[in-house]
Amino acid sequence: MFVTLREGESQEALLKRFGKGVQNSGLLRQVKAKRFFVSRSERNRIAERKAMARHRRRLRKEASAEARRMTRGRSR
């Protein structure tokens, strides 16, 4: 990843733009993930745990939306 200094741009702004670019590209996440060796089975366990957490969040979100729909008609 590289950035070029724009006309009239300060060094701080350039550095900030570079940091945003690195963050958006996912480069730091990739470096952090490759920092230590993780076996395939461990990656699968981590992925399964993340999927279960996403599913639970989705269920909670749907349940709260359903509860809001049910209470709308009664309170008015």
N, C-alpha and C. Protein backbone atom coordinates (compact mmCIF):
# COMPACT_ATOMS: atom_id res chain seq x y z
N MET A 1 0.86 -1.18 0.00
CA MET A 1 0.00 0.00 0.00
C MET A 1 0.89 1.23 0.00
N PHE A 2 0.57 2.18 -0.83
CA PHE A 2 1.34 3.41 -0.86
C PHE A 2 0.41 4.58 -1.11
N VAL A 3 0.83 5.73 -0.64
CA VAL A 3 0.09 6.97 -0.87
C VAL A 3 1.08 8.01 -1.36
N THR A 4 0.60 8.93 -2.16
CA THR A 4 1.45 10.01 -2.64
C THR A 4 0.95 11.32 -2.03
N LEU A 5 1.89 12.18 -1.78
CA LEU A 5 1.57 13.46 -1.17
C LEU A 5 0.83 14.33 -2.18
N ARG A 6 -0.34 14.77 -1.79
CA ARG A 6 -1.14 15.65 -2.66
C ARG A 6 -0.66 17.08 -2.49
N GLU A 7 -0.99 17.90 -3.46
CA GLU A 7 -0.57 19.30 -3.40
C GLU A 7 -1.26 19.99 -2.22
N GLY A 8 -0.48 20.63 -1.39
CA GLY A 8 -1.03 21.36 -0.24
C GLY A 8 -1.39 20.46 0.94
N GLU A 9 -1.07 19.17 0.88
CA GLU A 9 -1.42 18.24 1.96
C GLU A 9 -0.28 18.17 2.97
N SER A 10 -0.63 18.18 4.24
CA SER A 10 0.40 18.12 5.28
C SER A 10 0.85 16.68 5.49
N GLN A 11 1.98 16.52 6.15
CA GLN A 11 2.50 15.19 6.46
C GLN A 11 1.53 14.42 7.36
N GLU A 12 0.90 15.13 8.30
CA GLU A 12 -0.05 14.49 9.21
C GLU A 12 -1.26 13.94 8.45
N ALA A 13 -1.76 14.73 7.49
CA ALA A 13 -2.90 14.29 6.69
C ALA A 13 -2.53 13.08 5.84
N LEU A 14 -1.30 13.10 5.31
CA LEU A 14 -0.82 11.98 4.50
C LEU A 14 -0.75 10.71 5.35
N LEU A 15 -0.20 10.84 6.54
CA LEU A 15 -0.09 9.70 7.45
C LEU A 15 -1.46 9.18 7.85
N LYS A 16 -2.39 10.09 8.10
CA LYS A 16 -3.76 9.69 8.46
C LYS A 16 -4.42 8.93 7.31
N ARG A 17 -4.22 9.42 6.09
CA ARG A 17 -4.79 8.78 4.91
C ARG A 17 -4.18 7.39 4.70
N PHE A 18 -2.88 7.27 4.95
CA PHE A 18 -2.21 5.97 4.85
C PHE A 18 -2.78 5.00 5.88
N GLY A 19 -2.95 5.47 7.11
CA GLY A 19 -3.50 4.63 8.17
C GLY A 19 -4.90 4.14 7.85
N LYS A 20 -5.72 5.02 7.31
CA LYS A 20 -7.08 4.63 6.91
C LYS A 20 -7.04 3.58 5.81
N GLY A 21 -6.14 3.77 4.85
CA GLY A 21 -6.02 2.82 3.74
C GLY A 21 -5.60 1.44 4.23
N VAL A 22 -4.65 1.40 5.15
CA VAL A 22 -4.20 0.13 5.71
C VAL A 22 -5.34 -0.53 6.47
N GLN A 23 -6.06 0.26 7.25
CA GLN A 23 -7.18 -0.27 8.04
C GLN A 23 -8.26 -0.84 7.11
N ASN A 24 -8.60 -0.10 6.07
CA ASN A 24 -9.66 -0.54 5.16
C ASN A 24 -9.25 -1.75 4.33
N SER A 25 -7.97 -1.89 4.06
CA SER A 25 -7.52 -3.01 3.23
C SER A 25 -7.50 -4.33 4.00
N GLY A 26 -7.53 -4.28 5.33
CA GLY A 26 -7.50 -5.50 6.13
C GLY A 26 -6.10 -6.05 6.30
N LEU A 27 -5.10 -5.27 5.97
CA LEU A 27 -3.72 -5.73 6.04
C LEU A 27 -3.30 -6.06 7.47
N LEU A 28 -3.66 -5.22 8.41
CA LEU A 28 -3.28 -5.46 9.81
C LEU A 28 -3.93 -6.72 10.35
N ARG A 29 -5.19 -6.96 9.98
CA ARG A 29 -5.89 -8.17 10.43
C ARG A 29 -5.18 -9.41 9.88
N GLN A 30 -4.75 -9.34 8.63
CA GLN A 30 -4.07 -10.46 8.01
C GLN A 30 -2.71 -10.71 8.68
N VAL A 31 -1.97 -9.67 8.97
CA VAL A 31 -0.68 -9.81 9.64
C VAL A 31 -0.87 -10.41 11.03
N LYS A 32 -1.88 -9.92 11.74
CA LYS A 32 -2.15 -10.43 13.09
C LYS A 32 -2.53 -11.90 13.04
N ALA A 33 -3.30 -12.29 12.05
CA ALA A 33 -3.74 -13.68 11.94
C ALA A 33 -2.56 -14.61 11.62
N LYS A 34 -1.59 -14.12 10.87
CA LYS A 34 -0.45 -14.96 10.48
C LYS A 34 0.71 -14.88 11.47
N ARG A 35 0.50 -14.17 12.56
CA ARG A 35 1.58 -14.00 13.53
C ARG A 35 1.99 -15.33 14.17
N PHE A 36 1.00 -16.17 14.46
CA PHE A 36 1.25 -17.48 15.06
C PHE A 36 0.60 -18.55 14.20
N PHE A 37 1.15 -19.74 14.25
CA PHE A 37 0.59 -20.85 13.49
C PHE A 37 -0.70 -21.31 14.16
N VAL A 38 -1.74 -21.49 13.36
CA VAL A 38 -3.03 -22.00 13.85
C VAL A 38 -3.38 -23.19 12.97
N SER A 39 -3.57 -24.35 13.60
CA SER A 39 -3.86 -25.56 12.83
C SER A 39 -5.22 -25.45 12.15
N ARG A 40 -5.44 -26.30 11.17
CA ARG A 40 -6.68 -26.29 10.42
C ARG A 40 -7.87 -26.59 11.33
N SER A 41 -7.69 -27.54 12.25
CA SER A 41 -8.80 -27.89 13.15
C SER A 41 -9.13 -26.72 14.07
N GLU A 42 -8.11 -26.00 14.52
CA GLU A 42 -8.34 -24.84 15.37
C GLU A 42 -9.05 -23.73 14.60
N ARG A 43 -8.65 -23.53 13.33
CA ARG A 43 -9.34 -22.53 12.49
C ARG A 43 -10.80 -22.91 12.32
N ASN A 44 -11.07 -24.21 12.13
CA ASN A 44 -12.45 -24.67 11.98
C ASN A 44 -13.25 -24.43 13.25
N ARG A 45 -12.64 -24.70 14.41
CA ARG A 45 -13.33 -24.46 15.68
C ARG A 45 -13.63 -22.98 15.87
N ILE A 46 -12.67 -22.13 15.53
CA ILE A 46 -12.88 -20.69 15.66
C ILE A 46 -14.00 -20.24 14.73
N ALA A 47 -13.99 -20.72 13.49
CA ALA A 47 -15.02 -20.36 12.52
C ALA A 47 -16.39 -20.82 12.99
N GLU A 48 -16.46 -22.01 13.56
CA GLU A 48 -17.73 -22.53 14.06
C GLU A 48 -18.25 -21.68 15.21
N ARG A 49 -17.36 -21.29 16.12
CA ARG A 49 -17.76 -20.43 17.24
C ARG A 49 -18.27 -19.09 16.75
N LYS A 50 -17.58 -18.51 15.75
CA LYS A 50 -18.02 -17.23 15.19
C LYS A 50 -19.39 -17.36 14.54
N ALA A 51 -19.60 -18.46 13.81
CA ALA A 51 -20.89 -18.68 13.15
C ALA A 51 -22.01 -18.82 14.18
N MET A 52 -21.73 -19.52 15.28
CA MET A 52 -22.75 -19.67 16.33
C MET A 52 -23.07 -18.32 16.97
N ALA A 53 -22.06 -17.51 17.18
CA ALA A 53 -22.28 -16.18 17.77
C ALA A 53 -23.10 -15.31 16.83
N ARG A 54 -22.79 -15.36 15.52
CA ARG A 54 -23.58 -14.60 14.54
C ARG A 54 -25.03 -15.04 14.55
N HIS A 55 -25.24 -16.35 14.63
CA HIS A 55 -26.59 -16.90 14.64
C HIS A 55 -27.35 -16.42 15.88
N ARG A 56 -26.69 -16.47 17.05
CA ARG A 56 -27.33 -16.01 18.28
C ARG A 56 -27.67 -14.53 18.21
N ARG A 57 -26.76 -13.71 17.66
CA ARG A 57 -27.04 -12.28 17.51
C ARG A 57 -28.24 -12.06 16.60
N ARG A 58 -28.30 -12.82 15.50
CA ARG A 58 -29.41 -12.67 14.57
C ARG A 58 -30.73 -13.05 15.23
N LEU A 59 -30.72 -14.14 16.02
CA LEU A 59 -31.94 -14.55 16.72
C LEU A 59 -32.38 -13.49 17.73
N ARG A 60 -31.42 -12.90 18.47
CA ARG A 60 -31.77 -11.86 19.44
C ARG A 60 -32.35 -10.65 18.72
N LYS A 61 -31.76 -10.30 17.60
CA LYS A 61 -32.24 -9.14 16.84
C LYS A 61 -33.67 -9.40 16.33
N GLU A 62 -33.91 -10.58 15.81
CA GLU A 62 -35.25 -10.91 15.31
C GLU A 62 -36.26 -10.95 16.44
N ALA A 63 -35.86 -11.47 17.61
CA ALA A 63 -36.77 -11.55 18.75
C ALA A 63 -37.14 -10.16 19.24
N SER A 64 -36.16 -9.25 19.29
CA SER A 64 -36.47 -7.90 19.75
C SER A 64 -37.35 -7.18 18.75
N ALA A 65 -37.13 -7.41 17.45
CA ALA A 65 -37.98 -6.79 16.43
C ALA A 65 -39.40 -7.32 16.53
N GLU A 66 -39.54 -8.61 16.79
CA GLU A 66 -40.88 -9.21 16.95
C GLU A 66 -41.57 -8.63 18.18
N ALA A 67 -40.84 -8.47 19.28
CA ALA A 67 -41.42 -7.91 20.51
C ALA A 67 -41.87 -6.48 20.27
N ARG A 68 -41.08 -5.71 19.52
CA ARG A 68 -41.49 -4.33 19.22
C ARG A 68 -42.76 -4.31 18.38
N ARG A 69 -42.85 -5.25 17.42
CA ARG A 69 -44.07 -5.30 16.59
C ARG A 69 -45.29 -5.66 17.42
N MET A 70 -45.12 -6.53 18.39
CA MET A 70 -46.25 -6.98 19.22
C MET A 70 -46.72 -5.87 20.15
N THR A 71 -45.82 -5.06 20.68
CA THR A 71 -46.19 -4.02 21.63
C THR A 71 -46.72 -2.77 20.96
N ARG A 72 -46.46 -2.58 19.69
CA ARG A 72 -46.95 -1.38 18.99
C ARG A 72 -48.46 -1.29 18.99
N GLY A 73 -49.13 -2.36 18.70
CA GLY A 73 -50.57 -2.34 18.59
C GLY A 73 -51.29 -2.17 19.92
N ARG A 74 -50.71 -2.67 20.99
CA ARG A 74 -51.37 -2.61 22.31
C ARG A 74 -51.30 -1.26 22.97
N SER A 75 -50.20 -0.56 22.86
CA SER A 75 -50.00 0.67 23.63
C SER A 75 -50.81 1.84 23.07
N ARG A 76 -51.29 1.75 21.88
CA ARG A 76 -52.00 2.90 21.29
C ARG A 76 -53.43 2.74 21.39
